[in-house]
C-alpha atoms as a PDB file:
ATOM      1  CA  PRO A   1      -0.184   0.065  -0.150  1.00  0.00           C
ATOM      2  CA  ALA A   2       1.146   3.776  -0.977  1.00  0.00           C
ATOM      3  CA  ALA A   3       2.261   5.439   1.974  1.00  0.00           C
ATOM      4  CA  GLU A   4      -0.806   7.883   1.730  1.00  0.00           C
ATOM      5  CA  GLU A   5      -3.475   4.944   2.033  1.00  0.00           C
ATOM      6  CA  VAL A   6      -1.670   3.882   5.329  1.00  0.00           C
ATOM      7  CA  ALA A   7      -1.894   7.487   6.944  1.00  0.00           C
ATOM      8  CA  ALA A   8      -5.511   7.738   5.851  1.00  0.00           C
ATOM      9  CA  ALA A   9      -6.084   3.820   7.358  1.00  0.00           C
ATOM     10  CA  LYS A  10      -4.639   5.186  10.198  1.00  0.00           C
ATOM     11  CA  GLU A  11      -6.187   8.327  10.886  1.00  0.00           C
ATOM     12  CA  ALA A  12      -9.126   6.692  10.144  1.00  0.00           C
ATOM     13  CA  LEU A  13      -8.665   4.374  13.209  1.00  0.00           C
ATOM     14  CA  LEU A  14      -7.834   7.051  15.576  1.00  0.00           C
ATOM     15  CA  GLY A  15     -10.957   7.885  14.905  1.00  0.00           C
ATOM     16  CA  PHE A  16     -12.409   5.185  16.527  1.00  0.00           C
ATOM     17  CA  GLU A  17     -13.052   4.443  20.548  1.00  0.00           C
ATOM     18  CA  ALA A  18      -9.723   2.567  22.012  1.00  0.00           C
ATOM     19  CA  GLY A  19     -11.999  -0.494  23.130  1.00  0.00           C
ATOM     20  CA  ARG A  20     -12.968  -0.706  19.891  1.00  0.00           C
ATOM     21  CA  VAL A  21     -10.144  -0.424  17.534  1.00  0.00           C
ATOM     22  CA  VAL A  22      -7.325  -1.859  20.137  1.00  0.00           C
ATOM     23  CA  PRO A  23      -7.522  -5.324  19.985  1.00  0.00           C
ATOM     24  CA  GLU A  24      -8.218  -4.973  16.110  1.00  0.00           C
ATOM     25  CA  ALA A  25      -5.306  -3.402  15.883  1.00  0.00           C
ATOM     26  CA  ALA A  26      -3.375  -5.600  17.865  1.00  0.00           C
ATOM     27  CA  ARG A  27      -4.945  -8.648  16.059  1.00  0.00           C
ATOM     28  CA  LEU A  28      -3.733  -7.467  12.501  1.00  0.00           C
ATOM     29  CA  ILE A  29      -0.024  -6.628  13.463  1.00  0.00           C
ATOM     30  CA  GLY A  30       1.028 -10.039  12.654  1.00  0.00           C
ATOM     31  CA  GLU A  31      -0.658 -10.235   9.540  1.00  0.00           C
ATOM     32  CA  THR A  32      -0.174  -7.072   8.112  1.00  0.00           C
ATOM     33  CA  PRO A  33       3.017  -5.872   5.703  1.00  0.00           C
ATOM     34  CA  PRO A  34       5.535  -3.297   7.375  1.00  0.00           C
ATOM     35  CA  ALA A  35       3.939  -0.223   6.548  1.00  0.00           C
ATOM     36  CA  GLY A  36       1.021  -1.068   8.198  1.00  0.00           C
ATOM     37  CA  ARG A  37       2.532  -2.612  11.190  1.00  0.00           C
ATOM     38  CA  ALA A  38       3.775   0.200  11.577  1.00  0.00           C
ATOM     39  CA  ALA A  39       0.744   2.271  11.694  1.00  0.00           C
ATOM     40  CA  LEU A  40      -1.075  -0.338  13.629  1.00  0.00           C
ATOM     41  CA  ILE A  41       1.933   0.320  16.385  1.00  0.00           C
ATOM     42  CA  GLY A  42       0.762   4.200  15.889  1.00  0.00           C
ATOM     43  CA  VAL A  43      -2.736   3.645  16.928  1.00  0.00           C
ATOM     44  CA  LEU A  44      -2.094   1.505  19.817  1.00  0.00           C
ATOM     45  CA  ALA A  45       0.198   4.185  21.246  1.00  0.00           C
ATOM     46  CA  ALA A  46      -1.732   6.840  20.658  1.00  0.00           C
ATOM     47  CA  LYS A  47      -4.539   5.124  22.500  1.00  0.00           C
ATOM     48  CA  GLY A  48      -2.683   4.296  25.593  1.00  0.00           C
ATOM     49  CA  ALA A  49      -2.817   0.521  24.830  1.00  0.00           C
ATOM     50  CA  ARG A  50      -0.428  -0.344  28.114  1.00  0.00           C
ATOM     51  CA  ASP A  51      -1.840  -3.255  28.038  1.00  0.00           C
ATOM     52  CA  LYS A  52      -0.293  -4.195  24.289  1.00  0.00           C
ATOM     53  CA  ILE A  53       2.864  -3.351  25.519  1.00  0.00           C
ATOM     54  CA  ASP A  54       4.393  -6.376  24.938  1.00  0.00           C
ATOM     55  CA  LEU A  55       2.919  -7.061  21.313  1.00  0.00           C
ATOM     56  CA  VAL A  56       4.802  -3.272  20.805  1.00  0.00           C
ATOM     57  CA  PHE A  57       8.403  -4.671  23.065  1.00  0.00           C
ATOM     58  CA  ALA A  58       8.307  -7.937  20.271  1.00  0.00           C
ATOM     59  CA  GLN A  59       7.922  -5.405  17.533  1.00  0.00           C
ATOM     60  CA  ALA A  60      10.782  -3.574  18.301  1.00  0.00           C
ATOM     61  CA  GLN A  61      12.960  -6.504  17.871  1.00  0.00           C
ATOM     62  CA  SER A  62      11.805  -6.752  14.007  1.00  0.00           C
ATOM     63  CA  PRO A  63      14.096  -6.689  11.135  1.00  0.00           C
ATOM     64  CA  GLU A  64      12.211  -3.864   9.604  1.00  0.00           C
ATOM     65  CA  PRO A  65      13.666  -0.290  10.352  1.00  0.00           C
ATOM     66  CA  ALA A  66      10.097   1.655   9.993  1.00  0.00           C
ATOM     67  CA  VAL A  67       8.162  -1.240  12.455  1.00  0.00           C
ATOM     68  CA  ARG A  68      11.604  -0.908  15.004  1.00  0.00           C
ATOM     69  CA  ALA A  69      11.311   2.785  14.295  1.00  0.00           C
ATOM     70  CA  ALA A  70       7.068   2.664  15.245  1.00  0.00           C
ATOM     71  CA  ALA A  71       7.519   0.124  18.018  1.00  0.00           C
ATOM     72  CA  ILE A  72      10.328   2.601  19.893  1.00  0.00           C
ATOM     73  CA  ALA A  73       8.347   5.298  19.106  1.00  0.00           C
ATOM     74  CA  GLY A  74       5.276   3.358  20.598  1.00  0.00           C
ATOM     75  CA  LEU A  75       7.474   2.154  23.978  1.00  0.00           C
ATOM     76  CA  ALA A  76       8.121   5.783  24.525  1.00  0.00           C
ATOM     77  CA  ALA A  77       4.381   6.730  24.570  1.00  0.00           C
ATOM     78  CA  LEU A  78       3.795   3.175  26.615  1.00  0.00           C
ATOM     79  CA  ALA A  79       6.248   2.083  28.941  1.00  0.00           C
ATOM     80  CA  GLU A  80       6.698   2.530  32.848  1.00  0.00           C
ATOM     81  CA  GLU A  81       9.492   2.963  35.185  1.00  0.00           C
ATOM     82  CA  LYS A  82       8.773  -1.224  35.635  1.00  0.00           C
ATOM     83  CA  ASP A  83       9.625  -1.825  31.779  1.00  0.00           C
ATOM     84  CA  LEU A  84      12.917  -0.457  32.071  1.00  0.00           C
ATOM     85  CA  ALA A  85      15.020  -3.489  32.145  1.00  0.00           C
ATOM     86  CA  ARG A  86      13.345  -4.547  28.966  1.00  0.00           C
ATOM     87  CA  LEU A  87      13.890  -1.158  27.677  1.00  0.00           C
ATOM     88  CA  LEU A  88      17.388  -1.054  28.264  1.00  0.00           C
ATOM     89  CA  GLU A  89      17.885  -4.378  26.395  1.00  0.00           C
ATOM     90  CA  LEU A  90      17.578  -2.795  23.271  1.00  0.00           C
ATOM     91  CA  LEU A  91      18.922   0.456  24.163  1.00  0.00           C
ATOM     92  CA  TYR A  92      22.008  -1.314  24.800  1.00  0.00           C
ATOM     93  CA  ALA A  93      21.753  -3.515  21.422  1.00  0.00           C
ATOM     94  CA  ALA A  94      21.263  -0.575  19.267  1.00  0.00           C
ATOM     95  CA  SER A  95      23.176  -0.317  16.086  1.00  0.00           C
ATOM     96  CA  ASP A  96      22.562   3.010  15.293  1.00  0.00           C
ATOM     97  CA  SER A  97      22.244   6.539  16.302  1.00  0.00           C
ATOM     98  CA  GLU A  98      19.132   7.374  15.358  1.00  0.00           C
ATOM     99  CA  GLU A  99      17.927   4.547  16.947  1.00  0.00           C
ATOM    100  CA  THR A 100      19.885   5.141  19.914  1.00  0.00           C
ATOM    101  CA  ALA A 101      18.624   8.480  20.689  1.00  0.00           C
ATOM    102  CA  ASN A 102      14.972   7.433  19.981  1.00  0.00           C
ATOM    103  CA  LEU A 103      15.696   4.463  22.733  1.00  0.00           C
ATOM    104  CA  GLN A 104      17.072   7.029  25.132  1.00  0.00           C
ATOM    105  CA  LYS A 105      13.610   9.404  24.986  1.00  0.00           C
ATOM    106  CA  ALA A 106      11.407   5.746  25.453  1.00  0.00           C
ATOM    107  CA  VAL A 107      13.945   5.228  28.414  1.00  0.00           C
ATOM    108  CA  ALA A 108      13.526   9.084  30.000  1.00  0.00           C
ATOM    109  CA  ALA A 109       9.594   8.455  29.094  1.00  0.00           C
ATOM    110  CA  ALA A 110       9.283   5.446  30.972  1.00  0.00           C
ATOM    111  CA  ALA A 111      11.204   6.714  34.256  1.00  0.00           C
ATOM    112  CA  GLY A 112       9.926  10.165  33.907  1.00  0.00           C
ATOM    113  CA  ARG A 113       6.665   8.096  34.680  1.00  0.00           C
ATOM    114  CA  ASN A 114       7.078   7.671  38.216  1.00  0.00           C
ATOM    115  CA  PRO A 115       4.367  10.118  39.675  1.00  0.00           C
ATOM    116  CA  ASP A 116       7.394  10.953  42.542  1.00  0.00           C
ATOM    117  CA  PRO A 117       9.819  13.684  40.691  1.00  0.00           C
ATOM    118  CA  GLU A 118      12.576  12.860  42.816  1.00  0.00           C
ATOM    119  CA  ARG A 119      12.187   9.423  42.431  1.00  0.00           C
ATOM    120  CA  ARG A 120      12.220   9.004  38.313  1.00  0.00           C
ATOM    121  CA  ALA A 121      15.954   8.683  38.266  1.00  0.00           C
ATOM    122  CA  ASP A 122      15.885   6.042  40.904  1.00  0.00           C
ATOM    123  CA  GLY A 123      15.696   2.776  38.564  1.00  0.00           C
ATOM    124  CA  LEU A 124      18.746   4.132  36.271  1.00  0.00           C
ATOM    125  CA  ILE A 125      20.997   5.290  38.702  1.00  0.00           C
ATOM    126  CA  GLY A 126      20.025   1.396  40.551  1.00  0.00           C
ATOM    127  CA  PHE A 127      21.114   0.023  36.818  1.00  0.00           C
ATOM    128  CA  MET A 128      24.217   1.898  37.099  1.00  0.00           C
ATOM    129  CA  ALA A 129      25.275   0.110  39.933  1.00  0.00           C
ATOM    130  CA  GLY A 130      27.734  -2.259  39.326  1.00  0.00           C
ATOM    131  CA  ALA A 131      27.239  -2.435  35.211  1.00  0.00           C
ATOM    132  CA  PRO A 132      29.736  -2.508  33.172  1.00  0.00           C
ATOM    133  CA  ALA A 133      31.466   0.777  31.878  1.00  0.00           C
ATOM    134  CA  GLU A 134      30.043   0.748  28.443  1.00  0.00           C
ATOM    135  CA  LYS A 135      26.362   0.706  29.626  1.00  0.00           C
ATOM    136  CA  LYS A 136      27.192   3.295  32.950  1.00  0.00           C
ATOM    137  CA  ALA A 137      28.171   5.372  29.855  1.00  0.00           C
ATOM    138  CA  THR A 138      24.955   4.765  28.293  1.00  0.00           C
ATOM    139  CA  LEU A 139      22.706   5.326  31.028  1.00  0.00           C
ATOM    140  CA  LEU A 140      24.780   8.966  32.022  1.00  0.00           C
ATOM    141  CA  ARG A 141      23.411   9.571  28.447  1.00  0.00           C
ATOM    142  CA  VAL A 142      20.072   9.438  29.377  1.00  0.00           C
ATOM    143  CA  LEU A 143      19.649  10.891  33.100  1.00  0.00           C
ATOM    144  CA  PRO A 144      19.631  15.203  32.066  1.00  0.00           C
ATOM    145  CA  ARG A 145      16.051  13.880  30.526  1.00  0.00           C
ATOM    146  CA  VAL A 146      15.402  12.826  33.974  1.00  0.00           C
ATOM    147  CA  PRO A 147      15.873  16.114  36.156  1.00  0.00           C
ATOM    148  CA  GLY A 148      15.984  15.727  39.509  1.00  0.00           C
ATOM    149  CA  VAL A 149      18.947  15.970  42.033  1.00  0.00           C
ATOM    150  CA  LYS A 150      19.397  12.257  42.391  1.00  0.00           C
ATOM    151  CA  ALA A 151      19.827  12.441  38.552  1.00  0.00           C
ATOM    152  CA  LEU A 152      22.270  15.258  38.852  1.00  0.00           C
ATOM    153  CA  GLN A 153      24.205  13.988  42.004  1.00  0.00           C
ATOM    154  CA  ALA A 154      24.573  10.466  39.772  1.00  0.00           C
ATOM    155  CA  ALA A 155      26.319  12.656  37.322  1.00  0.00           C
ATOM    156  CA  VAL A 156      28.455  14.706  39.491  1.00  0.00           C
ATOM    157  CA  ASP A 157      29.468  11.133  40.889  1.00  0.00           C
ATOM    158  CA  ALA A 158      30.412   9.476  37.966  1.00  0.00           C
ATOM    159  CA  THR A 159      32.783  12.065  37.103  1.00  0.00           C
ATOM    160  CA  HIS A 160      34.977  10.688  39.378  1.00  0.00           C
ATOM    161  CA  ASP A 161      34.824   6.926  38.274  1.00  0.00           C
ATOM    162  CA  LYS A 162      37.921   5.037  37.432  1.00  0.00           C
ATOM    163  CA  ASP A 163      36.817   4.688  33.951  1.00  0.00           C
ATOM    164  CA  ALA A 164      37.571   7.067  31.404  1.00  0.00           C
ATOM    165  CA  GLN A 165      34.191   6.374  29.339  1.00  0.00           C
ATOM    166  CA  VAL A 166      32.091   7.085  31.898  1.00  0.00           C
ATOM    167  CA  GLN A 167      33.847  10.214  33.099  1.00  0.00           C
ATOM    168  CA  GLY A 168      33.627  10.870  29.620  1.00  0.00           C
ATOM    169  CA  ALA A 169      30.066  10.136  29.635  1.00  0.00           C
ATOM    170  CA  ALA A 170      28.995  12.459  32.847  1.00  0.00           C
ATOM    171  CA  VAL A 171      30.586  15.415  31.931  1.00  0.00           C
ATOM    172  CA  TYR A 172      28.666  15.107  28.498  1.00  0.00           C
ATOM    173  CA  ALA A 173      25.361  14.705  31.039  1.00  0.00           C
ATOM    174  CA  LEU A 174      26.328  17.501  33.230  1.00  0.00           C
ATOM    175  CA  SER A 175      26.918  19.845  30.475  1.00  0.00           C
ATOM    176  CA  GLN A 176      23.040  19.041  29.228  1.00  0.00           C
ATOM    177  CA  TRP A 177      21.753  20.114  31.855  1.00  0.00           C
END
């Protein structure tokens, strides 16, 4: 289908109530070509279909770049703090800079859904503890998007890490505050 047709179909689906369109969108994802799959993922995200997050996570590992991109955007809209471990697995495995940046947004959005502003960085800080230098550096790049005193302090503390990669990421993080 042409891109215009897919966009029109998505727009039409967004006009329906979530209770009607979400189950059908979820059912059709597995049997739809990539462009349609990406649109259906967008519908799930726009309708706040949190109960379909496992399906969106599965699509985030698709070999199709458009599907993967739509799923990552969907995860940014749907994921919560309890999904951080799964998001971080995707982030650590990301192979290109655009996908990495979009996954960083999804991780920050999930952490940001903690209702207590001062606890929003707790999950990320917890994952940093004991993590290898490369993963610590990746997490530090997300911290400026999760404001709060604890996030800032974690970045400051990381400037004293014994690993130069972590120190560099910490300085970068601090420069983004």
